[in-house]
Amino acid sequence: METKLIVQGMTCEMCVKHVKQGLENVPGVQSAVVDLTTNTATVQSADVDADILIEAVQEEGYDAYRAH
């Protein structure tokens, strides 16, 4: 399953790294691609709820919401 998130507050590659690691630490996440230029995260997972992914991003200190 693919989930796209809009991530707010990223300003550099270190931010990208933190968001990526936070998402990839969620059980069931297979991969996460975080793009600083579009402020998005694309997550491949085994049916992980978007709210759990958003919470993982928030724990890293950034705001996120599901892209439509």
N, C-alpha and C. Protein backbone atom coordinates (compact mmCIF):
# COMPACT_ATOMS: atom_id res chain seq x y z
N MET A 1 0.83 -1.17 0.00
CA MET A 1 0.00 0.00 0.00
C MET A 1 0.89 1.24 0.00
N GLU A 2 0.51 2.23 -0.81
CA GLU A 2 1.27 3.47 -0.87
C GLU A 2 0.47 4.59 -0.20
N THR A 3 1.16 5.33 0.67
CA THR A 3 0.55 6.48 1.34
C THR A 3 1.42 7.69 1.09
N LYS A 4 0.80 8.79 0.67
CA LYS A 4 1.53 10.04 0.45
C LYS A 4 1.16 11.02 1.54
N LEU A 5 2.19 11.63 2.11
CA LEU A 5 2.01 12.64 3.14
C LEU A 5 2.62 13.95 2.71
N ILE A 6 2.01 15.05 3.16
CA ILE A 6 2.62 16.37 3.05
C ILE A 6 3.30 16.61 4.39
N VAL A 7 4.57 16.97 4.35
CA VAL A 7 5.34 17.19 5.57
C VAL A 7 5.72 18.67 5.64
N GLN A 8 5.39 19.31 6.74
CA GLN A 8 5.69 20.73 6.91
C GLN A 8 6.80 20.92 7.93
N GLY A 9 7.67 21.88 7.65
CA GLY A 9 8.72 22.23 8.60
C GLY A 9 10.11 21.74 8.23
N MET A 10 10.24 20.97 7.16
CA MET A 10 11.56 20.51 6.75
C MET A 10 12.30 21.64 6.05
N THR A 11 13.57 21.84 6.43
CA THR A 11 14.35 22.91 5.82
C THR A 11 15.67 22.44 5.23
N CYS A 12 16.07 21.19 5.51
CA CYS A 12 17.38 20.72 5.04
C CYS A 12 17.39 19.21 4.92
N GLU A 13 18.51 18.68 4.44
CA GLU A 13 18.63 17.23 4.26
C GLU A 13 18.62 16.47 5.58
N MET A 14 19.07 17.11 6.65
CA MET A 14 18.99 16.45 7.97
C MET A 14 17.53 16.24 8.37
N CYS A 15 16.68 17.21 8.05
CA CYS A 15 15.25 17.07 8.31
C CYS A 15 14.70 15.86 7.55
N VAL A 16 15.08 15.76 6.29
CA VAL A 16 14.65 14.64 5.45
C VAL A 16 15.07 13.32 6.09
N LYS A 17 16.31 13.27 6.55
CA LYS A 17 16.84 12.05 7.17
C LYS A 17 16.03 11.67 8.41
N HIS A 18 15.72 12.65 9.25
CA HIS A 18 14.95 12.38 10.47
C HIS A 18 13.55 11.85 10.14
N VAL A 19 12.88 12.49 9.19
CA VAL A 19 11.54 12.06 8.80
C VAL A 19 11.58 10.66 8.22
N LYS A 20 12.55 10.40 7.34
CA LYS A 20 12.69 9.08 6.71
C LYS A 20 12.92 8.00 7.77
N GLN A 21 13.83 8.25 8.70
CA GLN A 21 14.11 7.26 9.74
C GLN A 21 12.89 7.03 10.63
N GLY A 22 12.19 8.12 10.97
CA GLY A 22 11.00 8.00 11.80
C GLY A 22 9.95 7.14 11.14
N LEU A 23 9.75 7.35 9.85
CA LEU A 23 8.76 6.55 9.12
C LEU A 23 9.20 5.10 8.97
N GLU A 24 10.47 4.88 8.67
CA GLU A 24 10.95 3.52 8.45
C GLU A 24 11.01 2.71 9.75
N ASN A 25 10.96 3.38 10.90
CA ASN A 25 10.93 2.67 12.17
C ASN A 25 9.54 2.18 12.56
N VAL A 26 8.52 2.57 11.80
CA VAL A 26 7.15 2.12 12.07
C VAL A 26 7.02 0.68 11.59
N PRO A 27 6.55 -0.22 12.47
CA PRO A 27 6.36 -1.62 12.04
C PRO A 27 5.41 -1.71 10.85
N GLY A 28 5.83 -2.47 9.85
CA GLY A 28 5.02 -2.65 8.64
C GLY A 28 5.43 -1.76 7.49
N VAL A 29 6.26 -0.74 7.76
CA VAL A 29 6.73 0.14 6.68
C VAL A 29 7.90 -0.54 5.98
N GLN A 30 7.78 -0.64 4.66
CA GLN A 30 8.83 -1.27 3.87
C GLN A 30 9.85 -0.25 3.37
N SER A 31 9.36 0.95 3.00
CA SER A 31 10.27 2.01 2.55
C SER A 31 9.57 3.35 2.65
N ALA A 32 10.39 4.39 2.73
CA ALA A 32 9.88 5.76 2.74
C ALA A 32 10.81 6.62 1.89
N VAL A 33 10.22 7.40 1.00
CA VAL A 33 10.96 8.35 0.18
C VAL A 33 10.48 9.73 0.58
N VAL A 34 11.40 10.56 1.07
CA VAL A 34 11.07 11.90 1.54
C VAL A 34 11.73 12.91 0.61
N ASP A 35 10.94 13.86 0.12
CA ASP A 35 11.42 14.84 -0.86
C ASP A 35 11.31 16.24 -0.27
N LEU A 36 12.46 16.88 -0.09
CA LEU A 36 12.50 18.22 0.49
C LEU A 36 11.89 19.27 -0.45
N THR A 37 12.09 19.12 -1.75
CA THR A 37 11.61 20.13 -2.69
C THR A 37 10.09 20.16 -2.80
N THR A 38 9.44 19.02 -2.61
CA THR A 38 7.97 18.97 -2.69
C THR A 38 7.32 18.83 -1.31
N ASN A 39 8.15 18.72 -0.27
CA ASN A 39 7.66 18.53 1.10
C ASN A 39 6.71 17.35 1.21
N THR A 40 7.10 16.24 0.59
CA THR A 40 6.27 15.05 0.62
C THR A 40 7.05 13.84 1.13
N ALA A 41 6.28 12.88 1.61
CA ALA A 41 6.83 11.58 1.97
C ALA A 41 5.93 10.53 1.32
N THR A 42 6.53 9.61 0.60
CA THR A 42 5.80 8.51 -0.02
C THR A 42 6.22 7.23 0.69
N VAL A 43 5.24 6.58 1.30
CA VAL A 43 5.53 5.43 2.15
C VAL A 43 4.91 4.17 1.55
N GLN A 44 5.74 3.14 1.42
CA GLN A 44 5.26 1.81 1.02
C GLN A 44 5.15 0.98 2.28
N SER A 45 3.96 0.41 2.51
CA SER A 45 3.78 -0.34 3.75
C SER A 45 2.80 -1.49 3.56
N ALA A 46 2.78 -2.35 4.56
CA ALA A 46 1.82 -3.45 4.61
C ALA A 46 0.60 -2.97 5.39
N ASP A 47 -0.18 -2.10 4.76
CA ASP A 47 -1.45 -1.64 5.32
C ASP A 47 -1.32 -0.92 6.66
N VAL A 48 -0.35 0.00 6.76
CA VAL A 48 -0.19 0.82 7.96
C VAL A 48 -1.10 2.04 7.82
N ASP A 49 -1.89 2.32 8.85
CA ASP A 49 -2.82 3.44 8.83
C ASP A 49 -2.07 4.77 8.72
N ALA A 50 -2.60 5.70 7.94
CA ALA A 50 -1.96 7.00 7.73
C ALA A 50 -1.78 7.76 9.04
N ASP A 51 -2.71 7.61 9.97
CA ASP A 51 -2.59 8.30 11.26
C ASP A 51 -1.35 7.88 12.02
N ILE A 52 -0.97 6.62 11.90
CA ILE A 52 0.24 6.12 12.56
C ILE A 52 1.48 6.74 11.91
N LEU A 53 1.46 6.87 10.59
CA LEU A 53 2.57 7.49 9.88
C LEU A 53 2.69 8.97 10.24
N ILE A 54 1.57 9.64 10.32
CA ILE A 54 1.56 11.06 10.69
C ILE A 54 2.12 11.23 12.10
N GLU A 55 1.72 10.35 13.00
CA GLU A 55 2.23 10.40 14.37
C GLU A 55 3.75 10.22 14.40
N ALA A 56 4.26 9.31 13.57
CA ALA A 56 5.71 9.08 13.51
C ALA A 56 6.44 10.34 13.05
N VAL A 57 5.87 11.05 12.08
CA VAL A 57 6.48 12.30 11.60
C VAL A 57 6.43 13.35 12.70
N GLN A 58 5.31 13.43 13.40
CA GLN A 58 5.17 14.40 14.48
C GLN A 58 6.15 14.13 15.61
N GLU A 59 6.43 12.88 15.88
CA GLU A 59 7.41 12.52 16.91
C GLU A 59 8.81 13.00 16.54
N GLU A 60 9.05 13.18 15.25
CA GLU A 60 10.35 13.70 14.79
C GLU A 60 10.37 15.23 14.81
N GLY A 61 9.23 15.86 15.13
CA GLY A 61 9.20 17.30 15.26
C GLY A 61 8.64 18.06 14.07
N TYR A 62 7.93 17.38 13.18
CA TYR A 62 7.39 18.00 11.98
C TYR A 62 5.90 17.76 11.90
N ASP A 63 5.19 18.64 11.20
CA ASP A 63 3.76 18.46 10.98
C ASP A 63 3.56 17.67 9.69
N ALA A 64 2.48 16.89 9.66
CA ALA A 64 2.19 16.12 8.45
C ALA A 64 0.69 15.89 8.33
N TYR A 65 0.26 15.73 7.10
CA TYR A 65 -1.11 15.33 6.84
C TYR A 65 -1.14 14.55 5.54
N ARG A 66 -2.21 13.80 5.36
CA ARG A 66 -2.31 12.93 4.18
C ARG A 66 -2.57 13.77 2.94
N ALA A 67 -1.84 13.49 1.89
CA ALA A 67 -2.05 14.17 0.61
C ALA A 67 -3.26 13.54 -0.08
N HIS A 68 -4.03 14.36 -0.76
CA HIS A 68 -5.22 13.84 -1.45
C HIS A 68 -5.02 13.77 -2.94
